[in-house]
C-alpha atoms as a PDB file:
ATOM      1  CA  MET A   1     196.256 138.059 160.948  1.00  0.00           C
ATOM      2  CA  ALA A   2     193.283 136.719 162.902  1.00  0.00           C
ATOM      3  CA  GLU A   3     191.272 139.740 161.806  1.00  0.00           C
ATOM      4  CA  GLN A   4     192.058 138.997 158.150  1.00  0.00           C
ATOM      5  CA  GLU A   5     190.965 135.342 158.483  1.00  0.00           C
ATOM      6  CA  LYS A   6     187.730 136.461 160.099  1.00  0.00           C
ATOM      7  CA  HIS A   7     187.066 138.864 157.205  1.00  0.00           C
ATOM      8  CA  THR A   8     187.786 136.117 154.665  1.00  0.00           C
ATOM      9  CA  LYS A   9     185.319 133.710 156.343  1.00  0.00           C
ATOM     10  CA  GLN A  10     182.608 136.368 156.341  1.00  0.00           C
ATOM     11  CA  THR A  11     183.191 137.018 152.657  1.00  0.00           C
ATOM     12  CA  ILE A  12     182.949 133.303 151.841  1.00  0.00           C
ATOM     13  CA  LEU A  13     179.766 132.989 153.922  1.00  0.00           C
ATOM     14  CA  LEU A  14     178.190 135.941 152.106  1.00  0.00           C
ATOM     15  CA  ILE A  15     179.023 134.449 148.717  1.00  0.00           C
ATOM     16  CA  CYS A  16     177.446 131.133 149.760  1.00  0.00           C
ATOM     17  CA  VAL A  17     174.283 132.907 150.869  1.00  0.00           C
ATOM     18  CA  ILE A  18     174.066 134.778 147.552  1.00  0.00           C
ATOM     19  CA  ILE A  19     174.572 131.561 145.557  1.00  0.00           C
ATOM     20  CA  SER A  20     171.903 129.815 147.623  1.00  0.00           C
ATOM     21  CA  VAL A  21     169.427 132.621 147.063  1.00  0.00           C
ATOM     22  CA  LEU A  22     170.094 132.639 143.309  1.00  0.00           C
ATOM     23  CA  ALA A  23     169.745 128.864 143.119  1.00  0.00           C
ATOM     24  CA  VAL A  24     166.414 128.897 144.927  1.00  0.00           C
ATOM     25  CA  SER A  25     165.025 131.773 142.879  1.00  0.00           C
ATOM     26  CA  GLY A  26     166.098 130.083 139.658  1.00  0.00           C
ATOM     27  CA  CYS A  27     163.944 127.013 140.425  1.00  0.00           C
ATOM     28  CA  THR A  28     160.854 128.982 141.245  1.00  0.00           C
ATOM     29  CA  HIS A  29     158.373 129.352 138.362  1.00  0.00           C
ATOM     30  CA  PRO A  30     157.670 133.026 137.637  1.00  0.00           C
ATOM     31  CA  ALA A  31     153.944 132.306 137.452  1.00  0.00           C
ATOM     32  CA  GLU A  32     154.003 131.464 141.189  1.00  0.00           C
ATOM     33  CA  LYS A  33     155.125 135.014 141.848  1.00  0.00           C
ATOM     34  CA  GLY A  34     152.507 136.509 139.554  1.00  0.00           C
ATOM     35  CA  GLU A  35     155.188 137.451 137.047  1.00  0.00           C
ATOM     36  CA  PRO A  36     154.866 136.841 133.269  1.00  0.00           C
ATOM     37  CA  ALA A  37     156.390 133.681 131.816  1.00  0.00           C
ATOM     38  CA  PRO A  38     160.020 134.103 130.775  1.00  0.00           C
ATOM     39  CA  THR A  39     160.760 134.875 127.156  1.00  0.00           C
ATOM     40  CA  PRO A  40     162.145 131.760 125.464  1.00  0.00           C
ATOM     41  CA  PRO A  41     165.832 132.056 124.689  1.00  0.00           C
ATOM     42  CA  ASP A  42     167.200 131.760 121.189  1.00  0.00           C
ATOM     43  CA  GLY A  43     168.701 128.365 121.935  1.00  0.00           C
ATOM     44  CA  ARG A  44     166.906 125.453 123.534  1.00  0.00           C
ATOM     45  CA  ALA A  45     168.223 123.956 126.755  1.00  0.00           C
ATOM     46  CA  TYR A  46     168.676 120.203 127.226  1.00  0.00           C
ATOM     47  CA  THR A  47     167.769 119.466 123.593  1.00  0.00           C
ATOM     48  CA  GLU A  48     169.012 115.907 123.956  1.00  0.00           C
ATOM     49  CA  SER A  49     166.644 115.087 126.832  1.00  0.00           C
ATOM     50  CA  ALA A  50     163.970 112.426 126.298  1.00  0.00           C
ATOM     51  CA  ASN A  51     160.522 112.504 127.864  1.00  0.00           C
ATOM     52  CA  ILE A  52     161.498 109.731 130.237  1.00  0.00           C
ATOM     53  CA  ASP A  53     163.964 112.130 131.827  1.00  0.00           C
ATOM     54  CA  CYS A  54     161.067 114.279 133.024  1.00  0.00           C
ATOM     55  CA  ILE A  55     158.912 111.542 134.537  1.00  0.00           C
ATOM     56  CA  ASP A  56     160.347 111.621 138.060  1.00  0.00           C
ATOM     57  CA  CYS A  57     159.023 115.117 138.697  1.00  0.00           C
ATOM     58  CA  HIS A  58     156.267 115.376 136.076  1.00  0.00           C
ATOM     59  CA  ALA A  59     154.530 111.990 136.008  1.00  0.00           C
ATOM     60  CA  VAL A  60     151.071 113.593 135.857  1.00  0.00           C
ATOM     61  CA  GLN A  61     151.988 115.443 132.657  1.00  0.00           C
ATOM     62  CA  TYR A  62     154.004 112.553 131.257  1.00  0.00           C
ATOM     63  CA  GLN A  63     151.141 110.030 131.214  1.00  0.00           C
ATOM     64  CA  PRO A  64     148.723 111.993 128.943  1.00  0.00           C
ATOM     65  CA  ILE A  65     151.548 112.680 126.497  1.00  0.00           C
ATOM     66  CA  GLU A  66     152.621 109.038 126.468  1.00  0.00           C
ATOM     67  CA  ASN A  67     149.083 107.626 126.189  1.00  0.00           C
ATOM     68  CA  GLY A  68     147.603 110.318 123.959  1.00  0.00           C
ATOM     69  CA  SER A  69     146.634 110.068 120.315  1.00  0.00           C
ATOM     70  CA  GLY A  70     146.912 113.703 119.262  1.00  0.00           C
ATOM     71  CA  GLY A  71     149.769 115.544 117.634  1.00  0.00           C
ATOM     72  CA  HIS A  72     151.253 116.420 121.011  1.00  0.00           C
ATOM     73  CA  ALA A  73     151.856 112.731 121.753  1.00  0.00           C
ATOM     74  CA  ARG A  74     154.561 112.659 119.087  1.00  0.00           C
ATOM     75  CA  LEU A  75     156.542 115.494 120.605  1.00  0.00           C
ATOM     76  CA  ASN A  76     159.330 115.628 123.143  1.00  0.00           C
ATOM     77  CA  CYS A  77     158.604 117.656 126.275  1.00  0.00           C
ATOM     78  CA  THR A  78     161.408 119.989 125.293  1.00  0.00           C
ATOM     79  CA  PHE A  79     159.681 120.895 122.052  1.00  0.00           C
ATOM     80  CA  CYS A  80     157.310 123.131 124.026  1.00  0.00           C
ATOM     81  CA  HIS A  81     159.257 123.533 127.265  1.00  0.00           C
ATOM     82  CA  ILE A  82     162.488 124.800 125.795  1.00  0.00           C
ATOM     83  CA  GLN A  83     163.839 125.446 129.261  1.00  0.00           C
ATOM     84  CA  HIS A  84     162.737 124.303 132.681  1.00  0.00           C
ATOM     85  CA  GLY A  85     159.710 126.211 133.924  1.00  0.00           C
ATOM     86  CA  TYR A  86     158.879 127.755 130.567  1.00  0.00           C
ATOM     87  CA  ARG A  87     155.183 127.549 129.618  1.00  0.00           C
ATOM     88  CA  PRO A  88     154.591 128.177 125.902  1.00  0.00           C
ATOM     89  CA  ASP A  89     151.752 130.159 124.402  1.00  0.00           C
ATOM     90  CA  CYS A  90     149.432 127.903 122.362  1.00  0.00           C
ATOM     91  CA  GLY A  91     149.284 130.582 119.680  1.00  0.00           C
ATOM     92  CA  THR A  92     152.971 130.196 118.993  1.00  0.00           C
ATOM     93  CA  CYS A  93     152.329 126.904 117.197  1.00  0.00           C
ATOM     94  CA  HIS A  94     148.560 127.181 116.646  1.00  0.00           C
ATOM     95  CA  PRO A  95     147.761 130.687 115.432  1.00  0.00           C
ATOM     96  CA  ASP A  96     143.964 131.132 115.204  1.00  0.00           C
ATOM     97  CA  PRO A  97     143.187 127.411 114.778  1.00  0.00           C
ATOM     98  CA  HIS A  98     139.459 128.114 115.115  1.00  0.00           C
ATOM     99  CA  GLY A  99     139.402 131.426 113.312  1.00  0.00           C
ATOM    100  CA  GLU A 100     139.579 134.973 114.552  1.00  0.00           C
ATOM    101  CA  GLY A 101     137.679 135.809 117.692  1.00  0.00           C
ATOM    102  CA  ILE A 102     138.186 132.386 119.336  1.00  0.00           C
ATOM    103  CA  SER A 103     140.636 132.718 122.210  1.00  0.00           C
ATOM    104  CA  GLY A 104     141.148 131.227 125.638  1.00  0.00           C
ATOM    105  CA  CYS A 105     142.303 127.746 124.603  1.00  0.00           C
ATOM    106  CA  THR A 106     141.989 126.362 128.129  1.00  0.00           C
ATOM    107  CA  ILE A 107     138.212 126.921 128.090  1.00  0.00           C
ATOM    108  CA  CYS A 108     137.898 123.781 125.975  1.00  0.00           C
ATOM    109  CA  HIS A 109     141.388 122.306 126.324  1.00  0.00           C
ATOM    110  CA  PRO A 110     142.187 122.428 130.048  1.00  0.00           C
ATOM    111  CA  ASP A 111     145.055 119.929 129.699  1.00  0.00           C
ATOM    112  CA  PRO A 112     147.542 120.964 127.002  1.00  0.00           C
ATOM    113  CA  HIS A 113     149.158 117.531 127.298  1.00  0.00           C
ATOM    114  CA  ALA A 114     145.953 115.884 126.054  1.00  0.00           C
ATOM    115  CA  PRO A 115     144.185 118.615 124.057  1.00  0.00           C
ATOM    116  CA  GLU A 116     142.039 116.250 121.988  1.00  0.00           C
ATOM    117  CA  THR A 117     140.679 113.945 124.667  1.00  0.00           C
ATOM    118  CA  ARG A 118     140.058 116.314 127.540  1.00  0.00           C
ATOM    119  CA  ILE A 119     137.769 118.937 126.016  1.00  0.00           C
ATOM    120  CA  LYS A 120     135.395 120.489 128.508  1.00  0.00           C
ATOM    121  CA  SER A 121     131.637 120.468 128.115  1.00  0.00           C
ATOM    122  CA  THR A 122     130.063 123.765 127.060  1.00  0.00           C
ATOM    123  CA  ARG A 123     126.488 124.946 126.655  1.00  0.00           C
ATOM    124  CA  ASN A 124     127.447 127.129 123.697  1.00  0.00           C
ATOM    125  CA  ASN A 125     127.180 125.401 120.303  1.00  0.00           C
ATOM    126  CA  SER A 126     129.144 128.175 118.612  1.00  0.00           C
ATOM    127  CA  VAL A 127     132.304 126.942 120.372  1.00  0.00           C
ATOM    128  CA  CYS A 128     131.987 123.710 118.377  1.00  0.00           C
ATOM    129  CA  LEU A 129     131.387 125.492 115.066  1.00  0.00           C
ATOM    130  CA  PRO A 130     134.981 126.135 113.893  1.00  0.00           C
ATOM    131  CA  CYS A 131     135.876 122.433 113.823  1.00  0.00           C
ATOM    132  CA  HIS A 132     132.446 120.924 113.115  1.00  0.00           C
ATOM    133  CA  ILE A 133     130.901 123.156 110.456  1.00  0.00           C
ATOM    134  CA  PRO A 134     128.843 120.475 108.585  1.00  0.00           C
ATOM    135  CA  GLN A 135     127.352 119.148 111.821  1.00  0.00           C
ATOM    136  CA  TYR A 136     126.668 122.651 113.114  1.00  0.00           C
ATOM    137  CA  ASP A 137     124.897 123.600 109.869  1.00  0.00           C
ATOM    138  CA  ASP A 138     122.751 120.450 110.001  1.00  0.00           C
ATOM    139  CA  ILE A 139     121.672 121.283 113.549  1.00  0.00           C
ATOM    140  CA  GLU A 140     120.989 124.941 112.786  1.00  0.00           C
ATOM    141  CA  GLU A 141     119.082 124.293 109.553  1.00  0.00           C
ATOM    142  CA  GLY A 142     117.209 121.228 110.748  1.00  0.00           C
ATOM    143  CA  SER A 143     113.516 121.212 111.567  1.00  0.00           C
ATOM    144  CA  GLY A 144     113.517 118.335 114.057  1.00  0.00           C
ATOM    145  CA  ARG A 145     113.785 118.461 117.815  1.00  0.00           C
ATOM    146  CA  HIS A 146     117.551 117.924 117.630  1.00  0.00           C
ATOM    147  CA  SER A 147     117.845 121.458 116.277  1.00  0.00           C
ATOM    148  CA  ILE A 148     116.939 122.929 119.684  1.00  0.00           C
ATOM    149  CA  LEU A 149     119.502 120.880 121.612  1.00  0.00           C
ATOM    150  CA  LYS A 150     123.009 121.816 122.718  1.00  0.00           C
ATOM    151  CA  CYS A 151     125.902 119.753 121.397  1.00  0.00           C
ATOM    152  CA  ASP A 152     127.014 118.549 124.807  1.00  0.00           C
ATOM    153  CA  LEU A 153     123.621 117.062 125.605  1.00  0.00           C
ATOM    154  CA  CYS A 154     124.572 114.143 123.342  1.00  0.00           C
ATOM    155  CA  HIS A 155     128.356 114.583 123.274  1.00  0.00           C
ATOM    156  CA  VAL A 156     129.000 114.615 127.008  1.00  0.00           C
ATOM    157  CA  GLN A 157     132.705 114.443 126.273  1.00  0.00           C
ATOM    158  CA  HIS A 158     134.596 115.450 123.151  1.00  0.00           C
ATOM    159  CA  GLY A 159     134.686 112.560 120.712  1.00  0.00           C
ATOM    160  CA  TYR A 160     131.916 110.635 122.484  1.00  0.00           C
ATOM    161  CA  LEU A 161     129.228 109.369 120.108  1.00  0.00           C
ATOM    162  CA  PRO A 162     125.997 108.479 121.924  1.00  0.00           C
ATOM    163  CA  ILE A 163     123.777 105.500 121.162  1.00  0.00           C
ATOM    164  CA  CYS A 164     120.472 106.656 119.656  1.00  0.00           C
ATOM    165  CA  SER A 165     118.496 104.113 121.670  1.00  0.00           C
ATOM    166  CA  ASP A 166     119.651 105.740 124.913  1.00  0.00           C
ATOM    167  CA  CYS A 167     117.065 108.461 124.248  1.00  0.00           C
ATOM    168  CA  HIS A 168     114.791 106.966 121.594  1.00  0.00           C
ATOM    169  CA  GLY A 169     114.596 103.303 122.527  1.00  0.00           C
ATOM    170  CA  MET A 170     113.703 101.158 119.514  1.00  0.00           C
ATOM    171  CA  PRO A 171     111.120 103.327 117.726  1.00  0.00           C
ATOM    172  CA  HIS A 172     110.812 100.998 114.715  1.00  0.00           C
ATOM    173  CA  GLY A 173     110.682  97.774 116.682  1.00  0.00           C
ATOM    174  CA  PRO A 174     113.359  95.391 117.974  1.00  0.00           C
ATOM    175  CA  ASP A 175     114.208  94.131 114.492  1.00  0.00           C
ATOM    176  CA  VAL A 176     115.210  97.570 113.180  1.00  0.00           C
ATOM    177  CA  SER A 177     118.653  98.701 114.325  1.00  0.00           C
ATOM    178  CA  GLY A 178     121.495 100.699 112.826  1.00  0.00           C
ATOM    179  CA  CYS A 179     119.745 104.075 112.992  1.00  0.00           C
ATOM    180  CA  GLU A 180     122.534 105.836 111.108  1.00  0.00           C
ATOM    181  CA  GLY A 181     121.713 103.734 108.046  1.00  0.00           C
ATOM    182  CA  CYS A 182     118.766 106.059 107.427  1.00  0.00           C
ATOM    183  CA  HIS A 183     119.173 108.990 109.818  1.00  0.00           C
ATOM    184  CA  ASN A 184     121.786 111.723 109.957  1.00  0.00           C
ATOM    185  CA  PRO A 185     121.917 112.236 113.744  1.00  0.00           C
ATOM    186  CA  HIS A 186     122.256 116.009 113.338  1.00  0.00           C
ATOM    187  CA  ALA A 187     119.252 116.144 110.980  1.00  0.00           C
ATOM    188  CA  PRO A 188     117.354 112.922 111.703  1.00  0.00           C
ATOM    189  CA  GLU A 189     114.269 113.945 109.738  1.00  0.00           C
ATOM    190  CA  SER A 190     116.299 114.346 106.554  1.00  0.00           C
ATOM    191  CA  ILE A 191     116.596 110.678 105.655  1.00  0.00           C
ATOM    192  CA  GLU A 192     118.846 109.422 102.886  1.00  0.00           C
ATOM    193  CA  PHE A 193     118.679 105.929 101.439  1.00  0.00           C
ATOM    194  CA  ASP A 194     120.251 103.859  98.707  1.00  0.00           C
ATOM    195  CA  THR A 195     118.879 104.389  95.223  1.00  0.00           C
ATOM    196  CA  HIS A 196     116.074 101.986  94.249  1.00  0.00           C
ATOM    197  CA  ASN A 197     116.447  99.960  97.449  1.00  0.00           C
ATOM    198  CA  ASN A 198     112.871  99.229  98.512  1.00  0.00           C
ATOM    199  CA  SER A 199     114.007  96.962 101.327  1.00  0.00           C
ATOM    200  CA  GLU A 200     115.206  99.983 103.316  1.00  0.00           C
ATOM    201  CA  CYS A 201     111.756 101.555 103.090  1.00  0.00           C
ATOM    202  CA  ALA A 202     110.044  98.301 104.016  1.00  0.00           C
ATOM    203  CA  ARG A 203     111.776  98.305 107.387  1.00  0.00           C
ATOM    204  CA  CYS A 204     109.398 101.043 108.537  1.00  0.00           C
ATOM    205  CA  HIS A 205     106.633 100.926 105.923  1.00  0.00           C
ATOM    206  CA  ARG A 206     106.023  97.194 105.534  1.00  0.00           C
ATOM    207  CA  SER A 207     102.377  97.421 106.608  1.00  0.00           C
ATOM    208  CA  VAL A 208     101.693 100.133 104.008  1.00  0.00           C
ATOM    209  CA  VAL A 209     103.193  97.974 101.267  1.00  0.00           C
ATOM    210  CA  ARG A 210     101.094  94.980 102.285  1.00  0.00           C
ATOM    211  CA  ARG A 211      97.845  96.969 102.387  1.00  0.00           C
ATOM    212  CA  THR A 212      98.421  98.572  99.000  1.00  0.00           C
ATOM    213  CA  PHE A 213     100.949  97.092  96.571  1.00  0.00           C
ATOM    214  CA  VAL A 214     100.489  93.495  97.707  1.00  0.00           C
ATOM    215  CA  ALA A 215      96.709  93.675  98.128  1.00  0.00           C
ATOM    216  CA  VAL A 216      96.050  95.478  94.823  1.00  0.00           C
ATOM    217  CA  PRO A 217      99.095  95.264  92.549  1.00  0.00           C
ATOM    218  CA  THR A 218      99.217  97.909  89.835  1.00  0.00           C
ATOM    219  CA  ARG A 219     102.033  99.168  87.646  1.00  0.00           C
ATOM    220  CA  HIS A 220     103.074 101.388  90.541  1.00  0.00           C
ATOM    221  CA  ALA A 221     103.936  98.225  92.480  1.00  0.00           C
ATOM    222  CA  ASP A 222     106.761  97.560  90.020  1.00  0.00           C
ATOM    223  CA  LEU A 223     108.430 100.910  90.701  1.00  0.00           C
ATOM    224  CA  ALA A 224     111.174 101.680  93.201  1.00  0.00           C
ATOM    225  CA  CYS A 225     109.936 103.760  96.123  1.00  0.00           C
ATOM    226  CA  ASP A 226     112.353 106.603  95.454  1.00  0.00           C
ATOM    227  CA  MET A 227     110.972 107.124  91.950  1.00  0.00           C
ATOM    228  CA  CYS A 228     107.940 108.771  93.566  1.00  0.00           C
ATOM    229  CA  HIS A 229     109.582 109.656  96.904  1.00  0.00           C
ATOM    230  CA  PRO A 230     112.972 111.151  95.971  1.00  0.00           C
ATOM    231  CA  ARG A 231     113.416 112.254  99.584  1.00  0.00           C
ATOM    232  CA  HIS A 232     111.942 110.866 102.760  1.00  0.00           C
ATOM    233  CA  ALA A 233     108.403 112.185 103.372  1.00  0.00           C
ATOM    234  CA  ALA A 234     108.449 113.942  99.976  1.00  0.00           C
ATOM    235  CA  THR A 235     106.067 112.830  97.238  1.00  0.00           C
ATOM    236  CA  MET A 236     106.241 113.786  93.585  1.00  0.00           C
ATOM    237  CA  LEU A 237     103.148 115.200  91.936  1.00  0.00           C
ATOM    238  CA  CYS A 238     101.071 112.910  89.746  1.00  0.00           C
ATOM    239  CA  ILE A 239     101.401 115.379  86.888  1.00  0.00           C
ATOM    240  CA  ASP A 240     105.209 115.084  87.092  1.00  0.00           C
ATOM    241  CA  CYS A 241     104.826 111.695  85.377  1.00  0.00           C
ATOM    242  CA  HIS A 242     101.244 111.599  84.118  1.00  0.00           C
ATOM    243  CA  PRO A 243      99.646 114.246  81.916  1.00  0.00           C
ATOM    244  CA  GLY A 244      96.382 115.458  83.371  1.00  0.00           C
ATOM    245  CA  HIS A 245      92.988 114.669  81.890  1.00  0.00           C
ATOM    246  CA  SER A 246      92.823 118.281  80.791  1.00  0.00           C
ATOM    247  CA  THR A 247      95.163 121.252  80.713  1.00  0.00           C
ATOM    248  CA  GLU A 248      93.212 122.879  83.527  1.00  0.00           C
ATOM    249  CA  MET A 249      93.860 120.031  85.992  1.00  0.00           C
ATOM    250  CA  ASN A 250      96.085 120.447  89.012  1.00  0.00           C
ATOM    251  CA  MET A 251      97.295 118.082  91.717  1.00  0.00           C
ATOM    252  CA  ARG A 252      94.172 118.591  93.817  1.00  0.00           C
ATOM    253  CA  ASP A 253      92.077 117.405  90.884  1.00  0.00           C
ATOM    254  CA  CYS A 254      94.176 114.245  90.620  1.00  0.00           C
ATOM    255  CA  CYS A 255      93.755 113.478  94.315  1.00  0.00           C
ATOM    256  CA  ASN A 256      90.011 114.017  94.025  1.00  0.00           C
ATOM    257  CA  CYS A 257      89.774 110.680  92.200  1.00  0.00           C
ATOM    258  CA  HIS A 258      93.062 108.904  92.906  1.00  0.00           C
ATOM    259  CA  ARG A 259      93.181 109.100  96.686  1.00  0.00           C
ATOM    260  CA  THR A 260      95.971 106.538  97.155  1.00  0.00           C
ATOM    261  CA  GLY A 261      99.071 106.833  95.007  1.00  0.00           C
ATOM    262  CA  HIS A 262     100.044 103.230  95.761  1.00  0.00           C
ATOM    263  CA  VAL A 263      96.748 102.032  94.254  1.00  0.00           C
ATOM    264  CA  PRO A 264      95.827 104.624  91.617  1.00  0.00           C
ATOM    265  CA  THR A 265      93.202 102.311  90.091  1.00  0.00           C
ATOM    266  CA  SER A 266      91.182 102.524  93.291  1.00  0.00           C
ATOM    267  CA  ILE A 267      89.204 105.610  92.318  1.00  0.00           C
ATOM    268  CA  GLN A 268      87.146 107.534  94.844  1.00  0.00           C
ATOM    269  CA  TYR A 269      85.805 110.905  93.880  1.00  0.00           C
ATOM    270  CA  SER A 270      83.410 113.449  95.259  1.00  0.00           C
ATOM    271  CA  SER A 271      79.836 112.916  94.053  1.00  0.00           C
ATOM    272  CA  ASN A 272      79.289 116.655  94.059  1.00  0.00           C
ATOM    273  CA  PRO A 273      78.851 117.757  90.397  1.00  0.00           C
ATOM    274  CA  ALA A 274      80.347 121.115  91.284  1.00  0.00           C
ATOM    275  CA  THR A 275      83.573 119.391  92.365  1.00  0.00           C
ATOM    276  CA  THR A 276      83.919 116.508  89.918  1.00  0.00           C
ATOM    277  CA  LYS A 277      83.392 117.626  86.353  1.00  0.00           C
ATOM    278  CA  SER A 278      82.848 115.252  83.440  1.00  0.00           C
ATOM    279  CA  GLY A 279      86.080 116.469  81.857  1.00  0.00           C
ATOM    280  CA  VAL A 280      88.116 114.314  84.247  1.00  0.00           C
ATOM    281  CA  CYS A 281      86.324 111.173  83.028  1.00  0.00           C
ATOM    282  CA  VAL A 282      87.042 111.637  79.335  1.00  0.00           C
ATOM    283  CA  ASP A 283      90.544 110.115  79.185  1.00  0.00           C
ATOM    284  CA  CYS A 284      89.378 106.719  80.391  1.00  0.00           C
ATOM    285  CA  HIS A 285      85.761 106.866  79.221  1.00  0.00           C
ATOM    286  CA  ALA A 286      85.962 108.723  75.906  1.00  0.00           C
ATOM    287  CA  LYS A 287      83.636 106.379  74.003  1.00  0.00           C
ATOM    288  CA  PRO A 288      80.536 106.725  76.248  1.00  0.00           C
ATOM    289  CA  PHE A 289      81.279 110.408  76.743  1.00  0.00           C
ATOM    290  CA  ASN A 290      81.413 111.105  72.986  1.00  0.00           C
ATOM    291  CA  THR A 291      78.379 108.906  72.338  1.00  0.00           C
ATOM    292  CA  MET A 292      76.357 110.947  74.782  1.00  0.00           C
ATOM    293  CA  LEU A 293      77.449 114.237  73.187  1.00  0.00           C
ATOM    294  CA  GLU A 294      76.738 113.057  69.635  1.00  0.00           C
ATOM    295  CA  SER A 295      73.309 111.695  70.528  1.00  0.00           C
ATOM    296  CA  GLU A 296      72.120 115.150  71.504  1.00  0.00           C
ATOM    297  CA  SER A 297      70.417 113.593  74.506  1.00  0.00           C
ATOM    298  CA  GLU A 298      69.588 115.835  77.446  1.00  0.00           C
ATOM    299  CA  HIS A 299      71.980 113.670  79.465  1.00  0.00           C
ATOM    300  CA  GLN A 300      74.842 115.505  77.786  1.00  0.00           C
ATOM    301  CA  TYR A 301      74.089 118.549  79.938  1.00  0.00           C
ATOM    302  CA  ILE A 302      74.629 116.820  83.284  1.00  0.00           C
ATOM    303  CA  GLU A 303      77.871 115.775  84.944  1.00  0.00           C
ATOM    304  CA  CYS A 304      78.811 112.083  84.936  1.00  0.00           C
ATOM    305  CA  VAL A 305      78.776 111.877  88.751  1.00  0.00           C
ATOM    306  CA  ARG A 306      75.032 112.586  88.797  1.00  0.00           C
ATOM    307  CA  CYS A 307      74.456 109.058  87.489  1.00  0.00           C
ATOM    308  CA  HIS A 308      77.771 107.522  88.653  1.00  0.00           C
ATOM    309  CA  PRO A 309      78.204 108.705  92.290  1.00  0.00           C
ATOM    310  CA  GLU A 310      80.824 105.982  92.754  1.00  0.00           C
ATOM    311  CA  HIS A 311      83.351 104.667  90.251  1.00  0.00           C
ATOM    312  CA  GLY A 312      82.361 101.504  88.453  1.00  0.00           C
ATOM    313  CA  SER A 313      79.378 100.369  86.424  1.00  0.00           C
ATOM    314  CA  ALA A 314      77.761  98.663  89.420  1.00  0.00           C
ATOM    315  CA  ALA A 315      77.351 102.053  91.079  1.00  0.00           C
ATOM    316  CA  THR A 316      75.157 103.536  88.325  1.00  0.00           C
ATOM    317  CA  LEU A 317      71.913 105.064  89.525  1.00  0.00           C
ATOM    318  CA  ALA A 318      68.646 103.559  88.319  1.00  0.00           C
ATOM    319  CA  CYS A 319      66.512 105.611  85.945  1.00  0.00           C
ATOM    320  CA  ALA A 320      63.822 105.892  88.644  1.00  0.00           C
ATOM    321  CA  SER A 321      66.228 107.860  90.817  1.00  0.00           C
ATOM    322  CA  CYS A 322      65.728 110.857  88.542  1.00  0.00           C
ATOM    323  CA  HIS A 323      62.746 110.035  86.285  1.00  0.00           C
ATOM    324  CA  THR A 324      59.107 109.443  87.177  1.00  0.00           C
ATOM    325  CA  MET A 325      58.194 105.950  86.064  1.00  0.00           C
ATOM    326  CA  ASP A 326      54.901 105.337  84.233  1.00  0.00           C
ATOM    327  CA  PRO A 327      53.686 101.845  85.237  1.00  0.00           C
ATOM    328  CA  SER A 328      52.143 101.400  81.808  1.00  0.00           C
ATOM    329  CA  HIS A 329      55.585 101.624  80.229  1.00  0.00           C
ATOM    330  CA  GLY A 330      57.041  98.812  82.260  1.00  0.00           C
ATOM    331  CA  THR A 331      60.399  98.853  84.050  1.00  0.00           C
ATOM    332  CA  ASN A 332      62.824  98.004  81.231  1.00  0.00           C
ATOM    333  CA  CYS A 333      63.692 101.534  80.125  1.00  0.00           C
ATOM    334  CA  VAL A 334      66.527 100.434  77.838  1.00  0.00           C
ATOM    335  CA  ALA A 335      64.118  98.398  75.732  1.00  0.00           C
ATOM    336  CA  CYS A 336      62.676 101.619  74.321  1.00  0.00           C
ATOM    337  CA  HIS A 337      65.180 104.354  75.072  1.00  0.00           C
ATOM    338  CA  GLY A 338      68.418 102.565  74.334  1.00  0.00           C
ATOM    339  CA  PRO A 339      71.629 102.965  76.411  1.00  0.00           C
ATOM    340  CA  ALA A 340      71.693 105.820  78.888  1.00  0.00           C
ATOM    341  CA  HIS A 341      74.473 107.507  76.896  1.00  0.00           C
ATOM    342  CA  ASP A 342      72.423 107.400  73.688  1.00  0.00           C
ATOM    343  CA  LEU A 343      68.801 108.055  74.728  1.00  0.00           C
ATOM    344  CA  ALA A 344      67.972 109.754  71.411  1.00  0.00           C
ATOM    345  CA  THR A 345      68.099 106.340  69.765  1.00  0.00           C
ATOM    346  CA  SER A 346      64.530 105.283  70.489  1.00  0.00           C
ATOM    347  CA  ARG A 347      63.492 101.688  69.952  1.00  0.00           C
ATOM    348  CA  GLY A 348      59.819 102.189  70.570  1.00  0.00           C
END
């Protein structure tokens, strides 16, 4: 009888040991043993549990979920952890979110409980491409110095938008702020502005306006800046709006006389007859030009700039600059020879 009781106690003790071992092994996460994560069962355990039920043991994970703003913040812990110790695969809910070939979610999202706010810095712009295609294209296609920078130089943390003045100070003076009003930060040299809003241009180009439009107002002064500058730093050709003085003229010919587009009436041309032909003078000076041709004077064979090295009647050369003067004839050439454009009409 005593032997039977002893055997019974040993059996009970063995059962207790087995139960204890099973209980301990059941609470150990497989990943700690180097084993793969368990396959999720068909049914979810503790489906009625709220997140607050997990806080005692998982406060570190609970806080990012509770304070987060992403889609995960709306979920119960048990949505992903369908049984205790189970770690889901991101791809189960997010298959190829960034396209094929992008794997290793934890490279950028080290904390799955706050995947949007805890993205790691990376020196590889291509990692940012799948979610930020327009910005990536602007950087890649841009010609400015931003195009050689890595994304995380400015965005030290995901979602962080730097202040331009941190790197650039106030390049347009203390009165000009709100850089993004003109500059796309990913392509700052490609500047966009409101249609026909000259005030935006004046913020940086006020001195140019004062020296040109205000000092010498012409019909160009009544135009909106973007009528001639459809894009920043781009200027339309004169011949886009104005027909040339001859069909052979090109933009270089226009600029030979009209050096400043803001003040086109301020004409400065080369005094070299080989460069400035009389044909460019005809549109504005047709009457004297035709008079000279019809008079059959020898002046018709020379270019206008030989006698008019600078624009304007006050810059006309004196007859003595080209002709030997006979003292016996006096100094009033016009009295006998008539106007310089009609020398054949002699009055002597």
